């Protein structure tokens, strides 16, 4: 399928809503990710758009085959719209289309035909490497996913001996102290703001607050998560996991789901209870519950793979960036000189 067979449109970002249904149709057929759904993208735009982004759409036989939102970086460089709250860049595309020819065409549609165009945070699950030799790729992170265990006892037995002992010790210490643990999963739209606020209170009490990255119900991040989760909740696709030690909330995860896949977007816990690993205890209880319900088949993390992901037996894959350059040989030379220096 060649890019010259595609009919292209360049529109202001304010026109995104008009194409939301077509965007979702393409996402379901190809990427099939809730973080690339129109609902998620609309929440990102409402909270983080400057209004200067451009929407580029490619149509073939009246069906959308390419959709991307692009923002200007400099006079010679553009990139996909990429707020820090988005696990993937705002781009959906039929898998066999993402090549040098297509990206070259997209670059010519942008103002002043930039020399460089970055496609950020591309999921190798949808667009496997390698790509064209004239496209330059750079690793971003390794992320993980987990098949929801249908037999929890077998799943738990697959952990290392040390991991099993640590979890059992934490539960035994809590039981000996008379502390009752409980998982609650919030799905109702009317409760979203309350529990995002609880999430923010916990995160603001920890190390993220000192770095200024914590969610708070009154800041930009908090507003985004309330808006986005409420929109998903209207479709019964939002979950906020809360874990209690008696009546105290000690861990919270913010999650969304689509097509039997649940994504854990954010996770936090009370650092004063860290010796009990409340966030991991919560996840184990949640996985057990999801496995018994048989509605969610896969858990996606989309964050950088950490030791606890591996302990929970996640399957890893790469998220990467693509850079297109109008003059590939020049780009190669510049990068070579940087490495040489």
C-alpha atoms as a PDB file:
ATOM      1  CA  UNK A   1       0.000   0.000   0.000  1.00  0.00           C
ATOM      2  CA  UNK A   2       1.677   3.233  -1.139  1.00  0.00           C
ATOM      3  CA  UNK A   3       1.216   6.642   0.417  1.00  0.00           C
ATOM      4  CA  UNK A   4       0.357   8.231  -2.975  1.00  0.00           C
ATOM      5  CA  UNK A   5      -2.826   6.135  -2.967  1.00  0.00           C
ATOM      6  CA  UNK A   6      -3.965   7.969   0.160  1.00  0.00           C
ATOM      7  CA  UNK A   7      -6.072  11.107   0.247  1.00  0.00           C
ATOM      8  CA  UNK A   8      -4.659  13.470   2.851  1.00  0.00           C
ATOM      9  CA  UNK A   9      -6.234  16.091   5.087  1.00  0.00           C
ATOM     10  CA  UNK A  10      -4.513  18.646   7.313  1.00  0.00           C
ATOM     11  CA  UNK A  11      -6.817  20.216   9.882  1.00  0.00           C
ATOM     12  CA  UNK A  12      -6.685  22.350  12.996  1.00  0.00           C
ATOM     13  CA  UNK A  13      -6.679  20.328  16.177  1.00  0.00           C
ATOM     14  CA  UNK A  14     -10.100  21.746  17.061  1.00  0.00           C
ATOM     15  CA  UNK A  15     -11.514  19.498  14.315  1.00  0.00           C
ATOM     16  CA  UNK A  16     -10.495  16.283  16.114  1.00  0.00           C
ATOM     17  CA  UNK A  17     -13.952  15.615  17.558  1.00  0.00           C
ATOM     18  CA  UNK A  18     -15.452  15.456  14.064  1.00  0.00           C
ATOM     19  CA  UNK A  19     -13.213  12.506  13.226  1.00  0.00           C
ATOM     20  CA  UNK A  20     -13.340  10.706  16.588  1.00  0.00           C
ATOM     21  CA  UNK A  21     -15.431   7.780  15.342  1.00  0.00           C
ATOM     22  CA  UNK A  22     -13.123   7.159  12.350  1.00  0.00           C
ATOM     23  CA  UNK A  23     -10.103   7.465  14.643  1.00  0.00           C
ATOM     24  CA  UNK A  24     -11.580   4.803  16.930  1.00  0.00           C
ATOM     25  CA  UNK A  25     -12.373   2.482  14.024  1.00  0.00           C
ATOM     26  CA  UNK A  26      -8.748   2.588  12.888  1.00  0.00           C
ATOM     27  CA  UNK A  27      -7.474   2.158  16.447  1.00  0.00           C
ATOM     28  CA  UNK A  28      -9.632  -0.924  17.012  1.00  0.00           C
ATOM     29  CA  UNK A  29      -8.495  -2.482  13.712  1.00  0.00           C
ATOM     30  CA  UNK A  30      -4.787  -1.850  14.298  1.00  0.00           C
ATOM     31  CA  UNK A  31      -3.444  -0.465  17.581  1.00  0.00           C
ATOM     32  CA  UNK A  32      -6.456  -1.465  19.691  1.00  0.00           C
ATOM     33  CA  UNK A  33      -5.202   0.461  22.711  1.00  0.00           C
ATOM     34  CA  UNK A  34      -7.346   2.455  25.118  1.00  0.00           C
ATOM     35  CA  UNK A  35      -4.523   5.015  25.460  1.00  0.00           C
ATOM     36  CA  UNK A  36      -4.901   5.732  21.731  1.00  0.00           C
ATOM     37  CA  UNK A  37      -8.712   5.841  21.777  1.00  0.00           C
ATOM     38  CA  UNK A  38     -10.523   9.059  20.954  1.00  0.00           C
ATOM     39  CA  UNK A  39     -11.692   9.400  24.573  1.00  0.00           C
ATOM     40  CA  UNK A  40      -8.124   9.353  25.869  1.00  0.00           C
ATOM     41  CA  UNK A  41      -6.842  11.670  23.126  1.00  0.00           C
ATOM     42  CA  UNK A  42      -9.702  14.129  23.696  1.00  0.00           C
ATOM     43  CA  UNK A  43      -8.863  14.325  27.410  1.00  0.00           C
ATOM     44  CA  UNK A  44      -5.205  14.965  26.570  1.00  0.00           C
ATOM     45  CA  UNK A  45      -6.150  17.730  24.147  1.00  0.00           C
ATOM     46  CA  UNK A  46      -8.585  19.365  26.547  1.00  0.00           C
ATOM     47  CA  UNK A  47      -5.946  19.578  29.260  1.00  0.00           C
ATOM     48  CA  UNK A  48      -2.586  19.901  27.479  1.00  0.00           C
ATOM     49  CA  UNK A  49      -3.155  21.212  23.955  1.00  0.00           C
ATOM     50  CA  UNK A  50      -1.815  24.672  23.086  1.00  0.00           C
ATOM     51  CA  UNK A  51      -4.256  24.874  20.183  1.00  0.00           C
ATOM     52  CA  UNK A  52      -1.413  25.050  17.671  1.00  0.00           C
ATOM     53  CA  UNK A  53      -1.187  21.309  16.995  1.00  0.00           C
ATOM     54  CA  UNK A  54      -2.206  19.956  13.602  1.00  0.00           C
ATOM     55  CA  UNK A  55      -4.313  16.890  12.832  1.00  0.00           C
ATOM     56  CA  UNK A  56      -3.196  14.911   9.775  1.00  0.00           C
ATOM     57  CA  UNK A  57      -5.502  12.227   8.401  1.00  0.00           C
ATOM     58  CA  UNK A  58      -4.964   9.767   5.556  1.00  0.00           C
ATOM     59  CA  UNK A  59      -7.959   8.151   3.858  1.00  0.00           C
ATOM     60  CA  UNK A  60      -8.194   5.252   1.462  1.00  0.00           C
ATOM     61  CA  UNK A  61     -11.528   4.143  -0.014  1.00  0.00           C
ATOM     62  CA  UNK A  62     -13.268   6.391   2.545  1.00  0.00           C
ATOM     63  CA  UNK A  63     -11.609   4.555   5.440  1.00  0.00           C
ATOM     64  CA  UNK A  64      -9.061   6.175   7.722  1.00  0.00           C
ATOM     65  CA  UNK A  65      -5.674   4.440   7.428  1.00  0.00           C
ATOM     66  CA  UNK A  66      -3.477   7.039   9.161  1.00  0.00           C
ATOM     67  CA  UNK A  67      -4.108   9.554  11.913  1.00  0.00           C
ATOM     68  CA  UNK A  68      -1.597  11.718  13.730  1.00  0.00           C
ATOM     69  CA  UNK A  69      -1.477  14.827  15.882  1.00  0.00           C
ATOM     70  CA  UNK A  70       1.679  16.890  15.468  1.00  0.00           C
ATOM     71  CA  UNK A  71       3.279  19.755  17.379  1.00  0.00           C
ATOM     72  CA  UNK A  72       6.084  22.107  16.403  1.00  0.00           C
ATOM     73  CA  UNK A  73       9.394  21.702  18.226  1.00  0.00           C
ATOM     74  CA  UNK A  74      11.510  24.213  16.296  1.00  0.00           C
ATOM     75  CA  UNK A  75      11.684  25.883  12.902  1.00  0.00           C
ATOM     76  CA  UNK A  76      13.050  22.653  11.390  1.00  0.00           C
ATOM     77  CA  UNK A  77      11.494  19.981  13.610  1.00  0.00           C
ATOM     78  CA  UNK A  78       8.025  18.624  14.435  1.00  0.00           C
ATOM     79  CA  UNK A  79       6.925  15.631  16.488  1.00  0.00           C
ATOM     80  CA  UNK A  80       3.822  13.725  17.488  1.00  0.00           C
ATOM     81  CA  UNK A  81       1.779  15.295  20.292  1.00  0.00           C
ATOM     82  CA  UNK A  82       3.336  13.842  23.433  1.00  0.00           C
ATOM     83  CA  UNK A  83       2.229  15.067  26.872  1.00  0.00           C
ATOM     84  CA  UNK A  84       4.002  13.239  29.686  1.00  0.00           C
ATOM     85  CA  UNK A  85       0.691  11.639  30.691  1.00  0.00           C
ATOM     86  CA  UNK A  86       0.444   9.805  27.345  1.00  0.00           C
ATOM     87  CA  UNK A  87       2.136   6.370  27.292  1.00  0.00           C
ATOM     88  CA  UNK A  88       2.223   6.424  23.473  1.00  0.00           C
ATOM     89  CA  UNK A  89       2.526   9.159  20.854  1.00  0.00           C
ATOM     90  CA  UNK A  90      -0.729  10.428  19.336  1.00  0.00           C
ATOM     91  CA  UNK A  91      -0.487   8.386  16.147  1.00  0.00           C
ATOM     92  CA  UNK A  92      -2.501   5.492  14.733  1.00  0.00           C
ATOM     93  CA  UNK A  93      -1.604   3.751  11.518  1.00  0.00           C
ATOM     94  CA  UNK A  94      -2.146   0.528   9.639  1.00  0.00           C
ATOM     95  CA  UNK A  95       0.843  -1.631  10.482  1.00  0.00           C
ATOM     96  CA  UNK A  96       2.229  -2.009   6.959  1.00  0.00           C
ATOM     97  CA  UNK A  97       2.088   1.725   6.252  1.00  0.00           C
ATOM     98  CA  UNK A  98       4.630   3.039   8.719  1.00  0.00           C
ATOM     99  CA  UNK A  99       7.589   3.493   6.398  1.00  0.00           C
ATOM    100  CA  UNK A 100       9.949   6.151   5.074  1.00  0.00           C
ATOM    101  CA  UNK A 101       7.713   7.014   2.119  1.00  0.00           C
ATOM    102  CA  UNK A 102       4.636   7.662   4.233  1.00  0.00           C
ATOM    103  CA  UNK A 103       6.455   9.728   6.853  1.00  0.00           C
ATOM    104  CA  UNK A 104       8.094  11.749   4.073  1.00  0.00           C
ATOM    105  CA  UNK A 105       4.625  12.538   2.757  1.00  0.00           C
ATOM    106  CA  UNK A 106       3.417  13.564   6.215  1.00  0.00           C
ATOM    107  CA  UNK A 107       6.424  15.884   6.620  1.00  0.00           C
ATOM    108  CA  UNK A 108       5.526  17.680   3.378  1.00  0.00           C
ATOM    109  CA  UNK A 109       2.052  18.354   4.739  1.00  0.00           C
ATOM    110  CA  UNK A 110       3.453  20.216   7.747  1.00  0.00           C
ATOM    111  CA  UNK A 111       4.182  23.960   7.531  1.00  0.00           C
ATOM    112  CA  UNK A 112       7.498  24.767   5.842  1.00  0.00           C
ATOM    113  CA  UNK A 113       8.272  21.055   5.271  1.00  0.00           C
ATOM    114  CA  UNK A 114      10.472  20.419   8.344  1.00  0.00           C
ATOM    115  CA  UNK A 115      13.847  18.716   8.036  1.00  0.00           C
ATOM    116  CA  UNK A 116      13.141  16.445  11.015  1.00  0.00           C
ATOM    117  CA  UNK A 117       9.988  14.653  12.150  1.00  0.00           C
ATOM    118  CA  UNK A 118       9.854  12.569  15.326  1.00  0.00           C
ATOM    119  CA  UNK A 119       7.292   9.864  15.949  1.00  0.00           C
ATOM    120  CA  UNK A 120       7.502   9.389  19.690  1.00  0.00           C
ATOM    121  CA  UNK A 121       6.826   6.376  21.896  1.00  0.00           C
ATOM    122  CA  UNK A 122       5.866   3.813  19.267  1.00  0.00           C
ATOM    123  CA  UNK A 123       4.744   0.400  20.533  1.00  0.00           C
ATOM    124  CA  UNK A 124       6.696  -2.457  18.966  1.00  0.00           C
ATOM    125  CA  UNK A 125       3.652  -4.659  19.525  1.00  0.00           C
ATOM    126  CA  UNK A 126       1.840  -2.690  16.806  1.00  0.00           C
ATOM    127  CA  UNK A 127       4.835  -1.611  14.707  1.00  0.00           C
ATOM    128  CA  UNK A 128       7.672  -4.128  15.078  1.00  0.00           C
ATOM    129  CA  UNK A 129      11.265  -3.276  14.321  1.00  0.00           C
ATOM    130  CA  UNK A 130      13.189  -3.203  12.041  1.00  0.00           C
ATOM    131  CA  UNK A 131      11.842  -0.448   9.840  1.00  0.00           C
ATOM    132  CA  UNK A 132      13.388   1.197   6.779  1.00  0.00           C
ATOM    133  CA  UNK A 133      17.136   1.794   6.983  1.00  0.00           C
ATOM    134  CA  UNK A 134      16.421   5.476   6.271  1.00  0.00           C
ATOM    135  CA  UNK A 135      14.355   5.785   9.454  1.00  0.00           C
ATOM    136  CA  UNK A 136      16.324   6.259  12.645  1.00  0.00           C
ATOM    137  CA  UNK A 137      15.044   4.512  15.751  1.00  0.00           C
ATOM    138  CA  UNK A 138      15.984   5.097  19.354  1.00  0.00           C
ATOM    139  CA  UNK A 139      14.966   2.971  22.354  1.00  0.00           C
ATOM    140  CA  UNK A 140      12.645   4.685  24.826  1.00  0.00           C
ATOM    141  CA  UNK A 141      11.774   2.070  27.446  1.00  0.00           C
ATOM    142  CA  UNK A 142      11.107  -1.607  27.871  1.00  0.00           C
ATOM    143  CA  UNK A 143       7.564  -2.122  29.140  1.00  0.00           C
ATOM    144  CA  UNK A 144       5.624  -5.142  30.311  1.00  0.00           C
ATOM    145  CA  UNK A 145       2.293  -6.905  30.120  1.00  0.00           C
ATOM    146  CA  UNK A 146       0.785  -9.814  31.970  1.00  0.00           C
ATOM    147  CA  UNK A 147      -1.738 -12.459  30.968  1.00  0.00           C
ATOM    148  CA  UNK A 148      -4.335 -12.375  33.765  1.00  0.00           C
ATOM    149  CA  UNK A 149      -3.895 -15.672  35.640  1.00  0.00           C
ATOM    150  CA  UNK A 150      -6.904 -17.959  35.402  1.00  0.00           C
ATOM    151  CA  UNK A 151      -5.413 -20.201  38.091  1.00  0.00           C
ATOM    152  CA  UNK A 152      -4.042 -17.881  40.756  1.00  0.00           C
ATOM    153  CA  UNK A 153      -2.422 -20.600  42.854  1.00  0.00           C
ATOM    154  CA  UNK A 154      -0.377 -21.791  39.869  1.00  0.00           C
ATOM    155  CA  UNK A 155       0.525 -18.201  39.054  1.00  0.00           C
ATOM    156  CA  UNK A 156       1.721 -17.501  42.601  1.00  0.00           C
ATOM    157  CA  UNK A 157       3.682 -20.764  42.613  1.00  0.00           C
ATOM    158  CA  UNK A 158       5.581 -19.571  39.521  1.00  0.00           C
ATOM    159  CA  UNK A 159       7.233 -16.799  41.548  1.00  0.00           C
ATOM    160  CA  UNK A 160      10.710 -17.268  42.914  1.00  0.00           C
ATOM    161  CA  UNK A 161      10.950 -18.777  46.393  1.00  0.00           C
ATOM    162  CA  UNK A 162      12.209 -15.479  47.788  1.00  0.00           C
ATOM    163  CA  UNK A 163       9.328 -13.511  46.244  1.00  0.00           C
ATOM    164  CA  UNK A 164       6.722 -15.928  47.608  1.00  0.00           C
ATOM    165  CA  UNK A 165       8.266 -15.752  51.066  1.00  0.00           C
ATOM    166  CA  UNK A 166       8.281 -11.944  51.045  1.00  0.00           C
ATOM    167  CA  UNK A 167       4.601 -11.751  50.140  1.00  0.00           C
ATOM    168  CA  UNK A 168       3.646 -14.387  52.700  1.00  0.00           C
ATOM    169  CA  UNK A 169       5.680 -12.668  55.423  1.00  0.00           C
ATOM    170  CA  UNK A 170       3.968  -9.336  54.714  1.00  0.00           C
ATOM    171  CA  UNK A 171       0.511 -10.896  54.930  1.00  0.00           C
ATOM    172  CA  UNK A 172       1.419 -12.824  58.093  1.00  0.00           C
ATOM    173  CA  UNK A 173       2.795  -9.705  59.825  1.00  0.00           C
ATOM    174  CA  UNK A 174      -0.392  -7.803  58.991  1.00  0.00           C
ATOM    175  CA  UNK A 175      -2.568 -10.659  60.251  1.00  0.00           C
ATOM    176  CA  UNK A 176      -0.597 -10.933  63.516  1.00  0.00           C
ATOM    177  CA  UNK A 177      -1.070  -7.187  64.027  1.00  0.00           C
ATOM    178  CA  UNK A 178      -4.807  -7.635  63.559  1.00  0.00           C
ATOM    179  CA  UNK A 179      -4.830  -5.561  60.365  1.00  0.00           C
ATOM    180  CA  UNK A 180      -7.524  -6.499  57.869  1.00  0.00           C
ATOM    181  CA  UNK A 181      -6.644  -5.989  54.196  1.00  0.00           C
ATOM    182  CA  UNK A 182      -9.307  -5.242  51.607  1.00  0.00           C
ATOM    183  CA  UNK A 183      -9.436  -4.483  47.889  1.00  0.00           C
ATOM    184  CA  UNK A 184     -12.063  -2.101  46.529  1.00  0.00           C
ATOM    185  CA  UNK A 185     -12.512  -1.414  42.802  1.00  0.00           C
ATOM    186  CA  UNK A 186     -14.277   1.848  41.995  1.00  0.00           C
ATOM    187  CA  UNK A 187     -16.018   2.049  38.618  1.00  0.00           C
ATOM    188  CA  UNK A 188     -18.800   4.578  39.186  1.00  0.00           C
ATOM    189  CA  UNK A 189     -18.384   7.960  37.477  1.00  0.00           C
ATOM    190  CA  UNK A 190     -19.713   9.849  40.503  1.00  0.00           C
ATOM    191  CA  UNK A 191     -16.848   8.529  42.653  1.00  0.00           C
ATOM    192  CA  UNK A 192     -13.977   9.234  40.252  1.00  0.00           C
ATOM    193  CA  UNK A 193     -13.084  12.697  41.541  1.00  0.00           C
ATOM    194  CA  UNK A 194     -13.133  11.572  45.181  1.00  0.00           C
ATOM    195  CA  UNK A 195     -10.721   8.708  44.589  1.00  0.00           C
ATOM    196  CA  UNK A 196      -8.414  10.641  42.270  1.00  0.00           C
ATOM    197  CA  UNK A 197      -8.223  13.113  45.158  1.00  0.00           C
ATOM    198  CA  UNK A 198      -7.298  10.276  47.524  1.00  0.00           C
ATOM    199  CA  UNK A 199      -4.655   9.133  45.027  1.00  0.00           C
ATOM    200  CA  UNK A 200      -3.275  12.673  44.924  1.00  0.00           C
ATOM    201  CA  UNK A 201      -3.167  12.972  48.716  1.00  0.00           C
ATOM    202  CA  UNK A 202      -1.109   9.784  48.969  1.00  0.00           C
ATOM    203  CA  UNK A 203       1.234  10.721  46.127  1.00  0.00           C
ATOM    204  CA  UNK A 204       1.664  14.261  47.481  1.00  0.00           C
ATOM    205  CA  UNK A 205       2.831  12.848  50.811  1.00  0.00           C
ATOM    206  CA  UNK A 206       5.695  10.969  49.166  1.00  0.00           C
ATOM    207  CA  UNK A 207       8.854  11.617  47.175  1.00  0.00           C
ATOM    208  CA  UNK A 208       7.019  12.779  44.049  1.00  0.00           C
ATOM    209  CA  UNK A 209       5.788  15.849  45.885  1.00  0.00           C
ATOM    210  CA  UNK A 210       9.366  16.985  46.524  1.00  0.00           C
ATOM    211  CA  UNK A 211      10.060  16.708  42.781  1.00  0.00           C
ATOM    212  CA  UNK A 212       6.870  18.564  41.866  1.00  0.00           C
ATOM    213  CA  UNK A 213       5.496  15.652  39.809  1.00  0.00           C
ATOM    214  CA  UNK A 214       2.724  14.507  42.127  1.00  0.00           C
ATOM    215  CA  UNK A 215      -0.909  14.468  41.018  1.00  0.00           C
ATOM    216  CA  UNK A 216      -3.156  16.799  42.990  1.00  0.00           C
ATOM    217  CA  UNK A 217      -6.866  17.240  42.460  1.00  0.00           C
ATOM    218  CA  UNK A 218      -6.354  20.956  41.762  1.00  0.00           C
ATOM    219  CA  UNK A 219      -3.383  20.745  39.402  1.00  0.00           C
ATOM    220  CA  UNK A 220      -3.254  20.109  35.650  1.00  0.00           C
ATOM    221  CA  UNK A 221      -2.485  16.424  36.062  1.00  0.00           C
ATOM    222  CA  UNK A 222      -5.300  15.883  38.526  1.00  0.00           C
ATOM    223  CA  UNK A 223      -7.835  17.559  36.264  1.00  0.00           C
ATOM    224  CA  UNK A 224      -6.729  15.384  33.344  1.00  0.00           C
ATOM    225  CA  UNK A 225      -7.120  12.144  35.273  1.00  0.00           C
ATOM    226  CA  UNK A 226     -10.546  13.159  36.608  1.00  0.00           C
ATOM    227  CA  UNK A 227     -11.775  14.148  33.135  1.00  0.00           C
ATOM    228  CA  UNK A 228     -10.319  11.095  31.411  1.00  0.00           C
ATOM    229  CA  UNK A 229     -11.380   8.490  33.978  1.00  0.00           C
ATOM    230  CA  UNK A 230     -14.883   9.964  34.197  1.00  0.00           C
ATOM    231  CA  UNK A 231     -15.214   9.690  30.416  1.00  0.00           C
ATOM    232  CA  UNK A 232     -14.107   6.039  30.495  1.00  0.00           C
ATOM    233  CA  UNK A 233     -16.405   5.373  33.464  1.00  0.00           C
ATOM    234  CA  UNK A 234     -19.392   6.397  31.363  1.00  0.00           C
ATOM    235  CA  UNK A 235     -18.543   3.404  29.154  1.00  0.00           C
ATOM    236  CA  UNK A 236     -17.852   1.122  32.148  1.00  0.00           C
ATOM    237  CA  UNK A 237     -14.162   1.130  31.207  1.00  0.00           C
ATOM    238  CA  UNK A 238     -12.557   2.866  34.207  1.00  0.00           C
ATOM    239  CA  UNK A 239     -11.287   1.194  37.364  1.00  0.00           C
ATOM    240  CA  UNK A 240      -9.645   2.734  40.414  1.00  0.00           C
ATOM    241  CA  UNK A 241      -8.116   0.070  42.624  1.00  0.00           C
ATOM    242  CA  UNK A 242      -7.943   0.953  46.324  1.00  0.00           C
ATOM    243  CA  UNK A 243      -6.281  -1.144  48.982  1.00  0.00           C
ATOM    244  CA  UNK A 244      -7.137  -0.779  52.639  1.00  0.00           C
ATOM    245  CA  UNK A 245      -5.377  -1.615  55.867  1.00  0.00           C
ATOM    246  CA  UNK A 246      -8.484  -1.630  58.065  1.00  0.00           C
ATOM    247  CA  UNK A 247     -10.106   1.724  57.160  1.00  0.00           C
ATOM    248  CA  UNK A 248      -6.965   3.401  55.775  1.00  0.00           C
ATOM    249  CA  UNK A 249      -6.358   3.591  52.027  1.00  0.00           C
ATOM    250  CA  UNK A 250      -2.717   2.554  51.601  1.00  0.00           C
ATOM    251  CA  UNK A 251      -2.437   2.064  47.820  1.00  0.00           C
ATOM    252  CA  UNK A 252      -4.283   3.259  44.702  1.00  0.00           C
ATOM    253  CA  UNK A 253      -4.007   2.404  41.006  1.00  0.00           C
ATOM    254  CA  UNK A 254      -5.704   4.372  38.215  1.00  0.00           C
ATOM    255  CA  UNK A 255      -6.748   2.056  35.372  1.00  0.00           C
ATOM    256  CA  UNK A 256      -8.676   2.006  32.107  1.00  0.00           C
ATOM    257  CA  UNK A 257      -9.774  -0.916  29.969  1.00  0.00           C
ATOM    258  CA  UNK A 258     -10.757  -1.775  26.407  1.00  0.00           C
ATOM    259  CA  UNK A 259     -11.100  -5.004  24.443  1.00  0.00           C
ATOM    260  CA  UNK A 260     -10.297  -7.304  27.396  1.00  0.00           C
ATOM    261  CA  UNK A 261      -7.106  -5.361  28.189  1.00  0.00           C
ATOM    262  CA  UNK A 262      -6.657  -3.244  31.301  1.00  0.00           C
ATOM    263  CA  UNK A 263      -3.932  -0.600  31.542  1.00  0.00           C
ATOM    264  CA  UNK A 264      -2.522   0.487  34.895  1.00  0.00           C
ATOM    265  CA  UNK A 265      -1.800   4.153  34.211  1.00  0.00           C
ATOM    266  CA  UNK A 266      -0.662   5.328  37.629  1.00  0.00           C
ATOM    267  CA  UNK A 267       0.174   3.650  40.914  1.00  0.00           C
ATOM    268  CA  UNK A 268       0.929   5.023  44.371  1.00  0.00           C
ATOM    269  CA  UNK A 269       1.117   3.834  47.962  1.00  0.00           C
ATOM    270  CA  UNK A 270       1.667   5.149  51.477  1.00  0.00           C
ATOM    271  CA  UNK A 271       5.430   5.132  51.956  1.00  0.00           C
ATOM    272  CA  UNK A 272       5.068   4.690  55.725  1.00  0.00           C
ATOM    273  CA  UNK A 273       3.749   1.170  55.012  1.00  0.00           C
ATOM    274  CA  UNK A 274       6.397   0.282  52.424  1.00  0.00           C
ATOM    275  CA  UNK A 275       7.692  -2.697  54.441  1.00  0.00           C
ATOM    276  CA  UNK A 276       4.392  -4.446  53.662  1.00  0.00           C
ATOM    277  CA  UNK A 277       4.534  -3.698  49.891  1.00  0.00           C
ATOM    278  CA  UNK A 278       0.862  -2.581  49.869  1.00  0.00           C
ATOM    279  CA  UNK A 279       0.840  -1.759  46.153  1.00  0.00           C
ATOM    280  CA  UNK A 280       1.995  -5.268  45.239  1.00  0.00           C
ATOM    281  CA  UNK A 281      -0.404  -6.933  47.673  1.00  0.00           C
ATOM    282  CA  UNK A 282      -3.182  -4.925  46.047  1.00  0.00           C
ATOM    283  CA  UNK A 283      -2.140  -6.004  42.567  1.00  0.00           C
ATOM    284  CA  UNK A 284      -2.068  -9.671  43.530  1.00  0.00           C
ATOM    285  CA  UNK A 285      -5.574  -9.424  45.000  1.00  0.00           C
ATOM    286  CA  UNK A 286      -6.772  -7.535  41.913  1.00  0.00           C
ATOM    287  CA  UNK A 287      -5.234 -10.089  39.530  1.00  0.00           C
ATOM    288  CA  UNK A 288      -6.917 -12.885  41.471  1.00  0.00           C
ATOM    289  CA  UNK A 289     -10.270 -11.119  41.242  1.00  0.00           C
ATOM    290  CA  UNK A 290      -9.913 -10.344  37.527  1.00  0.00           C
ATOM    291  CA  UNK A 291      -8.908 -13.937  36.835  1.00  0.00           C
ATOM    292  CA  UNK A 292     -12.035 -15.258  38.547  1.00  0.00           C
ATOM    293  CA  UNK A 293     -14.251 -12.862  36.564  1.00  0.00           C
ATOM    294  CA  UNK A 294     -12.681 -13.774  33.169  1.00  0.00           C
ATOM    295  CA  UNK A 295     -13.528 -10.398  31.582  1.00  0.00           C
ATOM    296  CA  UNK A 296     -10.030  -8.892  31.479  1.00  0.00           C
ATOM    297  CA  UNK A 297      -7.436 -11.110  29.780  1.00  0.00           C
ATOM    298  CA  UNK A 298      -4.343  -8.859  29.755  1.00  0.00           C
ATOM    299  CA  UNK A 299      -2.781  -6.278  32.074  1.00  0.00           C
ATOM    300  CA  UNK A 300      -0.636  -3.595  30.427  1.00  0.00           C
ATOM    301  CA  UNK A 301       1.801  -1.502  32.484  1.00  0.00           C
ATOM    302  CA  UNK A 302       3.257   0.866  29.859  1.00  0.00           C
ATOM    303  CA  UNK A 303       5.689   2.248  32.414  1.00  0.00           C
ATOM    304  CA  UNK A 304       9.379   1.444  32.391  1.00  0.00           C
ATOM    305  CA  UNK A 305       9.919  -2.181  33.412  1.00  0.00           C
ATOM    306  CA  UNK A 306      10.997  -2.366  37.038  1.00  0.00           C
ATOM    307  CA  UNK A 307      12.046  -5.175  39.319  1.00  0.00           C
ATOM    308  CA  UNK A 308       8.517  -5.623  40.672  1.00  0.00           C
ATOM    309  CA  UNK A 309       7.142  -6.093  37.142  1.00  0.00           C
ATOM    310  CA  UNK A 310       9.604  -8.929  36.637  1.00  0.00           C
ATOM    311  CA  UNK A 311       8.736 -10.460  39.993  1.00  0.00           C
ATOM    312  CA  UNK A 312       5.104 -10.537  38.879  1.00  0.00           C
ATOM    313  CA  UNK A 313       6.139 -12.421  35.715  1.00  0.00           C
ATOM    314  CA  UNK A 314       5.520  -9.741  33.090  1.00  0.00           C
ATOM    315  CA  UNK A 315       6.333 -10.200  29.407  1.00  0.00           C
ATOM    316  CA  UNK A 316       8.601  -7.414  28.131  1.00  0.00           C
ATOM    317  CA  UNK A 317       8.668  -5.503  24.844  1.00  0.00           C
ATOM    318  CA  UNK A 318      10.151  -2.245  23.519  1.00  0.00           C
ATOM    319  CA  UNK A 319       8.701   1.211  23.142  1.00  0.00           C
ATOM    320  CA  UNK A 320      10.818   3.319  20.795  1.00  0.00           C
ATOM    321  CA  UNK A 321      11.096   6.632  18.944  1.00  0.00           C
ATOM    322  CA  UNK A 322      11.384   7.107  15.191  1.00  0.00           C
ATOM    323  CA  UNK A 323      13.162  10.075  13.614  1.00  0.00           C
ATOM    324  CA  UNK A 324      12.655  10.857   9.951  1.00  0.00           C
ATOM    325  CA  UNK A 325      15.175  13.197   8.305  1.00  0.00           C
ATOM    326  CA  UNK A 326      14.819  14.858   4.929  1.00  0.00           C
ATOM    327  CA  UNK A 327      18.529  14.157   4.347  1.00  0.00           C
ATOM    328  CA  UNK A 328      19.245  10.755   5.918  1.00  0.00           C
ATOM    329  CA  UNK A 329      22.942  10.705   5.058  1.00  0.00           C
ATOM    330  CA  UNK A 330      23.451  14.069   6.739  1.00  0.00           C
ATOM    331  CA  UNK A 331      21.614  12.830   9.837  1.00  0.00           C
ATOM    332  CA  UNK A 332      23.836   9.740   9.952  1.00  0.00           C
ATOM    333  CA  UNK A 333      26.950  11.908   9.657  1.00  0.00           C
ATOM    334  CA  UNK A 334      25.857  14.255  12.452  1.00  0.00           C
ATOM    335  CA  UNK A 335      25.117  11.317  14.755  1.00  0.00           C
ATOM    336  CA  UNK A 336      28.440   9.716  13.900  1.00  0.00           C
ATOM    337  CA  UNK A 337      30.270  12.933  14.768  1.00  0.00           C
ATOM    338  CA  UNK A 338      28.432  13.144  18.093  1.00  0.00           C
ATOM    339  CA  UNK A 339      29.502   9.603  18.964  1.00  0.00           C
ATOM    340  CA  UNK A 340      33.053  10.299  17.826  1.00  0.00           C
ATOM    341  CA  UNK A 341      33.311  13.354  20.093  1.00  0.00           C
END
